[in-house]
Amino acid sequence: MELSKHMVDMITNSIEAMARHILVNMSFFGDWIILEVSDDGKGTTAEEVEAAMRGDKAPRGRGLALLKDAAEQSGGDIFVWSEEGHGTGVRATFGKDVPLGKVGDALIVFWQEMPITVITLSAVTENGAFVFDSRLIGERYGDPSEMDTMVKVRKEVNHTLTNLFGGK
């Protein structure tokens, strides 16, 4: 499964947890890709995290179990931290052959549906760095309500990340 699909699952969980700020970090160094999503949502208990990692439909579905399986199948692992009332973070490490997918497409969906949630994406690789912050869309790309703006954002994010991650 593409990393962008796992990112969508994690951002969806953050939004459902009432997060106002979501930070997505992606990095690619050597043989490893790291995907980390953290938020300021309502957080959860250690028991609920353990249940979610096992694939029990608690608290919100099977996304963490699928992420864990994908990371482990590629030779990586997953680490989750959460505190009730203080947010959650997930860091997954993948072998370098996992495809990136269309991250820009995923960001546009969240930006359209949840404009009150701030999403910041940072990507760092041996080829350079990129930062996307949903608060700056209007200033950087144009009127956020215009279709042309969405297309610009999607294209730039997809193109830039594909180049940073070596054409994946």
C-alpha atoms as a PDB file:
ATOM      1  CA  MET A   1       0.000   0.000   0.000  1.00  0.00           C
ATOM      2  CA  GLU A   2       1.191   3.516  -0.782  1.00  0.00           C
ATOM      3  CA  LEU A   3       2.382   5.750   2.058  1.00  0.00           C
ATOM      4  CA  SER A   4      -0.160   8.399   1.071  1.00  0.00           C
ATOM      5  CA  LYS A   5      -3.004   6.005   1.910  1.00  0.00           C
ATOM      6  CA  HIS A   6      -1.572   5.358   5.386  1.00  0.00           C
ATOM      7  CA  MET A   7      -1.163   9.113   5.807  1.00  0.00           C
ATOM      8  CA  VAL A   8      -4.860   9.565   4.941  1.00  0.00           C
ATOM      9  CA  ASP A   9      -5.832   7.024   7.626  1.00  0.00           C
ATOM     10  CA  MET A  10      -3.728   8.763  10.254  1.00  0.00           C
ATOM     11  CA  ILE A  11      -4.970  12.261   9.372  1.00  0.00           C
ATOM     12  CA  THR A  12      -8.555  10.960   9.416  1.00  0.00           C
ATOM     13  CA  ASN A  13      -7.961   9.596  12.926  1.00  0.00           C
ATOM     14  CA  SER A  14      -6.555  12.971  13.981  1.00  0.00           C
ATOM     15  CA  ILE A  15      -9.566  14.842  12.627  1.00  0.00           C
ATOM     16  CA  GLU A  16     -11.955  12.406  14.326  1.00  0.00           C
ATOM     17  CA  ALA A  17     -10.026  13.055  17.556  1.00  0.00           C
ATOM     18  CA  MET A  18     -10.888  16.765  17.186  1.00  0.00           C
ATOM     19  CA  ALA A  19      -7.343  17.857  16.328  1.00  0.00           C
ATOM     20  CA  ARG A  20      -6.900  21.475  15.327  1.00  0.00           C
ATOM     21  CA  HIS A  21      -3.263  21.019  14.304  1.00  0.00           C
ATOM     22  CA  ILE A  22      -1.818  18.011  12.515  1.00  0.00           C
ATOM     23  CA  LEU A  23       1.872  17.701  11.737  1.00  0.00           C
ATOM     24  CA  VAL A  24       2.995  15.237   9.068  1.00  0.00           C
ATOM     25  CA  ASN A  25       6.713  14.539   8.754  1.00  0.00           C
ATOM     26  CA  MET A  26       8.155  12.398   5.991  1.00  0.00           C
ATOM     27  CA  SER A  27      11.813  11.590   5.559  1.00  0.00           C
ATOM     28  CA  PHE A  28      13.877   9.338   3.360  1.00  0.00           C
ATOM     29  CA  PHE A  29      17.441   8.502   4.271  1.00  0.00           C
ATOM     30  CA  GLY A  30      19.471   5.569   3.105  1.00  0.00           C
ATOM     31  CA  ASP A  31      17.263   2.514   3.097  1.00  0.00           C
ATOM     32  CA  TRP A  32      14.440   3.935   5.227  1.00  0.00           C
ATOM     33  CA  ILE A  33      11.321   6.030   4.804  1.00  0.00           C
ATOM     34  CA  ILE A  34       9.846   7.497   7.979  1.00  0.00           C
ATOM     35  CA  LEU A  35       6.245   8.699   8.160  1.00  0.00           C
ATOM     36  CA  GLU A  36       5.183  10.487  11.325  1.00  0.00           C
ATOM     37  CA  VAL A  37       1.826  12.083  12.092  1.00  0.00           C
ATOM     38  CA  SER A  38       1.153  13.882  15.373  1.00  0.00           C
ATOM     39  CA  ASP A  39      -1.793  15.949  16.533  1.00  0.00           C
ATOM     40  CA  ASP A  40      -3.276  17.964  19.370  1.00  0.00           C
ATOM     41  CA  GLY A  41      -6.500  15.935  19.450  1.00  0.00           C
ATOM     42  CA  LYS A  42      -8.165  14.336  22.439  1.00  0.00           C
ATOM     43  CA  GLY A  43      -5.651  11.487  22.659  1.00  0.00           C
ATOM     44  CA  THR A  44      -6.446   8.007  23.859  1.00  0.00           C
ATOM     45  CA  THR A  45      -5.504   5.441  26.479  1.00  0.00           C
ATOM     46  CA  ALA A  46      -2.681   2.910  26.223  1.00  0.00           C
ATOM     47  CA  GLU A  47      -5.292   0.145  26.205  1.00  0.00           C
ATOM     48  CA  GLU A  48      -7.067   1.650  23.202  1.00  0.00           C
ATOM     49  CA  VAL A  49      -3.751   2.030  21.361  1.00  0.00           C
ATOM     50  CA  GLU A  50      -2.918  -1.626  22.034  1.00  0.00           C
ATOM     51  CA  ALA A  51      -6.352  -2.709  20.807  1.00  0.00           C
ATOM     52  CA  ALA A  52      -5.989  -0.630  17.651  1.00  0.00           C
ATOM     53  CA  MET A  53      -2.534  -2.096  16.981  1.00  0.00           C
ATOM     54  CA  ARG A  54      -4.014  -5.608  17.253  1.00  0.00           C
ATOM     55  CA  GLY A  55      -6.694  -4.691  14.739  1.00  0.00           C
ATOM     56  CA  ASP A  56      -9.563  -4.637  17.190  1.00  0.00           C
ATOM     57  CA  LYS A  57     -11.907  -1.933  15.957  1.00  0.00           C
ATOM     58  CA  ALA A  58     -11.065   0.273  18.874  1.00  0.00           C
ATOM     59  CA  PRO A  59     -11.046   3.186  19.039  1.00  0.00           C
ATOM     60  CA  ARG A  60     -11.616   4.070  15.342  1.00  0.00           C
ATOM     61  CA  GLY A  61     -10.885   1.200  12.979  1.00  0.00           C
ATOM     62  CA  ARG A  62      -8.104  -0.935  11.525  1.00  0.00           C
ATOM     63  CA  GLY A  63      -5.808   1.793  10.173  1.00  0.00           C
ATOM     64  CA  LEU A  64      -3.101   1.383  12.828  1.00  0.00           C
ATOM     65  CA  ALA A  65      -3.067  -2.401  12.448  1.00  0.00           C
ATOM     66  CA  LEU A  66      -2.730  -2.052   8.665  1.00  0.00           C
ATOM     67  CA  LEU A  67       0.035   0.526   9.095  1.00  0.00           C
ATOM     68  CA  LYS A  68       1.847  -1.776  11.525  1.00  0.00           C
ATOM     69  CA  ASP A  69       1.586  -4.722   9.125  1.00  0.00           C
ATOM     70  CA  ALA A  70       2.833  -2.650   6.169  1.00  0.00           C
ATOM     71  CA  ALA A  71       5.773  -1.273   8.149  1.00  0.00           C
ATOM     72  CA  GLU A  72       6.773  -4.691   9.458  1.00  0.00           C
ATOM     73  CA  GLN A  73       6.405  -6.362   6.046  1.00  0.00           C
ATOM     74  CA  SER A  74       8.852  -3.814   4.601  1.00  0.00           C
ATOM     75  CA  GLY A  75      11.352  -4.464   7.409  1.00  0.00           C
ATOM     76  CA  GLY A  76      10.348  -1.435   9.482  1.00  0.00           C
ATOM     77  CA  ASP A  77       8.329  -0.874  12.614  1.00  0.00           C
ATOM     78  CA  ILE A  78       5.799   1.448  14.246  1.00  0.00           C
ATOM     79  CA  PHE A  79       5.708   3.463  17.451  1.00  0.00           C
ATOM     80  CA  VAL A  80       2.577   5.144  18.851  1.00  0.00           C
ATOM     81  CA  TRP A  81       2.354   7.595  21.730  1.00  0.00           C
ATOM     82  CA  SER A  82      -0.803   9.146  23.103  1.00  0.00           C
ATOM     83  CA  GLU A  83      -2.102  10.833  26.202  1.00  0.00           C
ATOM     84  CA  GLU A  84      -5.756  11.484  26.874  1.00  0.00           C
ATOM     85  CA  GLY A  85      -6.477  15.169  26.381  1.00  0.00           C
ATOM     86  CA  HIS A  86      -3.067  15.856  24.837  1.00  0.00           C
ATOM     87  CA  GLY A  87      -2.957  14.283  21.392  1.00  0.00           C
ATOM     88  CA  THR A  88      -1.432  11.323  19.628  1.00  0.00           C
ATOM     89  CA  GLY A  89       1.598  10.608  17.509  1.00  0.00           C
ATOM     90  CA  VAL A  90       2.444   7.734  15.191  1.00  0.00           C
ATOM     91  CA  ARG A  91       5.865   7.071  13.665  1.00  0.00           C
ATOM     92  CA  ALA A  92       6.199   4.297  11.093  1.00  0.00           C
ATOM     93  CA  THR A  93       9.454   3.236   9.477  1.00  0.00           C
ATOM     94  CA  PHE A  94       9.382   1.520   6.090  1.00  0.00           C
ATOM     95  CA  GLY A  95      11.929  -0.077   3.819  1.00  0.00           C
ATOM     96  CA  LYS A  96      12.814   2.161   0.877  1.00  0.00           C
ATOM     97  CA  ASP A  97      10.771   0.242  -1.708  1.00  0.00           C
ATOM     98  CA  VAL A  98       7.359   1.313  -0.365  1.00  0.00           C
ATOM     99  CA  PRO A  99       5.681   3.631  -2.922  1.00  0.00           C
ATOM    100  CA  LEU A 100       4.903   7.197  -1.877  1.00  0.00           C
ATOM    101  CA  GLY A 101       1.617   7.660  -3.747  1.00  0.00           C
ATOM    102  CA  LYS A 102      -0.122  10.984  -4.400  1.00  0.00           C
ATOM    103  CA  VAL A 103       0.296  12.924  -1.161  1.00  0.00           C
ATOM    104  CA  GLY A 104      -0.885  16.187  -2.758  1.00  0.00           C
ATOM    105  CA  ASP A 105      -4.197  14.586  -3.729  1.00  0.00           C
ATOM    106  CA  ALA A 106      -4.724  13.478  -0.138  1.00  0.00           C
ATOM    107  CA  LEU A 107      -3.914  16.915   1.301  1.00  0.00           C
ATOM    108  CA  ILE A 108      -6.396  18.620  -1.022  1.00  0.00           C
ATOM    109  CA  VAL A 109      -9.223  16.390   0.198  1.00  0.00           C
ATOM    110  CA  PHE A 110      -8.545  17.318   3.823  1.00  0.00           C
ATOM    111  CA  TRP A 111      -8.081  20.978   3.035  1.00  0.00           C
ATOM    112  CA  GLN A 112     -11.457  21.086   1.264  1.00  0.00           C
ATOM    113  CA  GLU A 113     -13.353  19.122   3.892  1.00  0.00           C
ATOM    114  CA  MET A 114     -11.723  20.408   7.076  1.00  0.00           C
ATOM    115  CA  PRO A 115     -10.396  23.929   6.489  1.00  0.00           C
ATOM    116  CA  ILE A 116     -10.439  24.658  10.235  1.00  0.00           C
ATOM    117  CA  THR A 117      -7.803  21.981  10.867  1.00  0.00           C
ATOM    118  CA  VAL A 118      -4.245  23.135  10.184  1.00  0.00           C
ATOM    119  CA  ILE A 119      -2.160  20.536   8.382  1.00  0.00           C
ATOM    120  CA  THR A 120       1.578  21.024   8.112  1.00  0.00           C
ATOM    121  CA  LEU A 121       3.634  18.623   6.028  1.00  0.00           C
ATOM    122  CA  SER A 122       7.397  18.592   6.082  1.00  0.00           C
ATOM    123  CA  ALA A 123       9.504  16.304   3.945  1.00  0.00           C
ATOM    124  CA  VAL A 124      13.255  15.893   4.239  1.00  0.00           C
ATOM    125  CA  THR A 125      15.391  13.648   2.091  1.00  0.00           C
ATOM    126  CA  GLU A 126      18.956  13.513   0.870  1.00  0.00           C
ATOM    127  CA  ASN A 127      17.659  15.453  -2.169  1.00  0.00           C
ATOM    128  CA  GLY A 128      16.325  18.446  -0.232  1.00  0.00           C
ATOM    129  CA  ALA A 129      13.361  19.580   1.855  1.00  0.00           C
ATOM    130  CA  PHE A 130       9.791  20.816   1.393  1.00  0.00           C
ATOM    131  CA  VAL A 131       7.191  22.322   3.739  1.00  0.00           C
ATOM    132  CA  PHE A 132       3.466  22.685   3.084  1.00  0.00           C
ATOM    133  CA  ASP A 133       1.275  24.557   5.561  1.00  0.00           C
ATOM    134  CA  SER A 134      -2.458  24.777   4.912  1.00  0.00           C
ATOM    135  CA  ARG A 135      -2.571  28.215   6.587  1.00  0.00           C
ATOM    136  CA  LEU A 136      -0.493  29.639   3.729  1.00  0.00           C
ATOM    137  CA  ILE A 137      -2.493  28.333   0.773  1.00  0.00           C
ATOM    138  CA  GLY A 138      -4.136  31.668  -0.029  1.00  0.00           C
ATOM    139  CA  GLU A 139      -0.901  33.607   0.265  1.00  0.00           C
ATOM    140  CA  ARG A 140       1.210  31.149  -1.693  1.00  0.00           C
ATOM    141  CA  TYR A 141      -1.126  29.650  -4.304  1.00  0.00           C
ATOM    142  CA  GLY A 142      -4.178  31.876  -4.704  1.00  0.00           C
ATOM    143  CA  ASP A 143      -7.790  32.033  -3.575  1.00  0.00           C
ATOM    144  CA  PRO A 144      -8.469  28.867  -1.527  1.00  0.00           C
ATOM    145  CA  SER A 145     -12.025  28.659  -2.849  1.00  0.00           C
ATOM    146  CA  GLU A 146     -10.901  28.422  -6.491  1.00  0.00           C
ATOM    147  CA  MET A 147     -10.468  25.087  -8.282  1.00  0.00           C
ATOM    148  CA  ASP A 148      -7.297  26.399  -9.970  1.00  0.00           C
ATOM    149  CA  THR A 149      -5.725  26.877  -6.556  1.00  0.00           C
ATOM    150  CA  MET A 150      -6.458  23.283  -5.560  1.00  0.00           C
ATOM    151  CA  VAL A 151      -4.939  22.045  -8.799  1.00  0.00           C
ATOM    152  CA  LYS A 152      -1.784  24.140  -8.226  1.00  0.00           C
ATOM    153  CA  VAL A 153      -1.365  22.823  -4.687  1.00  0.00           C
ATOM    154  CA  ARG A 154      -1.940  19.205  -5.696  1.00  0.00           C
ATOM    155  CA  LYS A 155       0.490  19.397  -8.606  1.00  0.00           C
ATOM    156  CA  GLU A 156       3.233  21.146  -6.660  1.00  0.00           C
ATOM    157  CA  VAL A 157       3.050  18.824  -3.661  1.00  0.00           C
ATOM    158  CA  ASN A 158       2.966  15.664  -5.808  1.00  0.00           C
ATOM    159  CA  HIS A 159       5.750  16.870  -8.117  1.00  0.00           C
ATOM    160  CA  THR A 160       8.022  18.105  -5.320  1.00  0.00           C
ATOM    161  CA  LEU A 161       7.637  15.003  -3.168  1.00  0.00           C
ATOM    162  CA  THR A 162       8.139  12.682  -6.119  1.00  0.00           C
ATOM    163  CA  ASN A 163      11.422  14.452  -6.873  1.00  0.00           C
ATOM    164  CA  LEU A 164      12.520  14.489  -3.236  1.00  0.00           C
ATOM    165  CA  PHE A 165      11.773  10.798  -2.818  1.00  0.00           C
ATOM    166  CA  GLY A 166      13.630   9.801  -5.961  1.00  0.00           C
ATOM    167  CA  GLY A 167      10.735   9.316  -8.357  1.00  0.00           C
ATOM    168  CA  LYS A 168       8.642   6.960  -6.187  1.00  0.00           C
END
